[in-house]
């Protein structure tokens, strides 16, 4: 067994002990919000179907901009690298509508530039679900239950989500990036970028040719019965917060008649001195320390 396999097996064994059908459904929904906390732009209301049906434009591949150029232009459009690096934390409040909640739930996110992350989705007088990342340790808490380590693909999804600077951190986020084509989605000319994270997770990103903004993405996520499926995210309604453009409306679409998930940010604040803490539960720390020791032993 490889070091990666042994580490993930230890975390997976603990993860499976505290799962219920509803908590699993919620984990699938809220852990795949990787595009929701990165900087983005707007896309027309017809949405993800436009990306899937985007028609290639007539252009030789040799004349396409390099992926690095597309990302760098995007960084400048949303505020510039120097301004981005002045942002050290972010606080988001909003609402979530989607699986497995019957009604609209409240959303709260605390995130730090060093990768610490806490996301809470809670029904008014109903289910409450928390996700955490600290020092690459990932776990969930349903209501006031036992903290449950998160492993395997869902761990990578959550680590992608907790990447504070998102696509602006592309040099560290991806091991491979390539502009694969120019296309037209609806009436918007786009550049389609293929990217692969260091964990091997593929991303497809859609940048508007004229504005330079990121207007959508597609990633594989964990679906029912832990099968993989593609999720396309529409990114809309961006606002200037502290000199940086932040999106405030996101719609996750899965196709096949599945009802979309909808995240709406009603308040975004940056560089907040609120003293929010990210304590690591002892059982979570013990699981990941055992996993790390097992990985070192295999090496």
Foldseek 3Di string as FASTA:
>chain_A
DALQVLLQVLQVVQQVPDDDPQVVFVLQVVLQCLVQQAFFAADDPVPDVLVVVWAFDPDDQVPDDWPVVLLQLQCVLQFHPVLVVVFFWKWFWFWKDDPPDPDIWIWIKIAGQVLWIKIWTGHDVDKIKIWTADPLWIWIDIDPDDIGTDGDPSSVSNSSNSNNNHSNPVVQFFPDKGFDGWTQRPNFIWTWMWTAGPVGWIKIWTAGPPSSTTAKIKTWGQDPPRDIFIKIKGFYDWDQASRGTHTFWIWIDGDPPGDIMIIGTPDMHTPDDPPDDDDDDPVSVVSNVVSVVSSVVSD
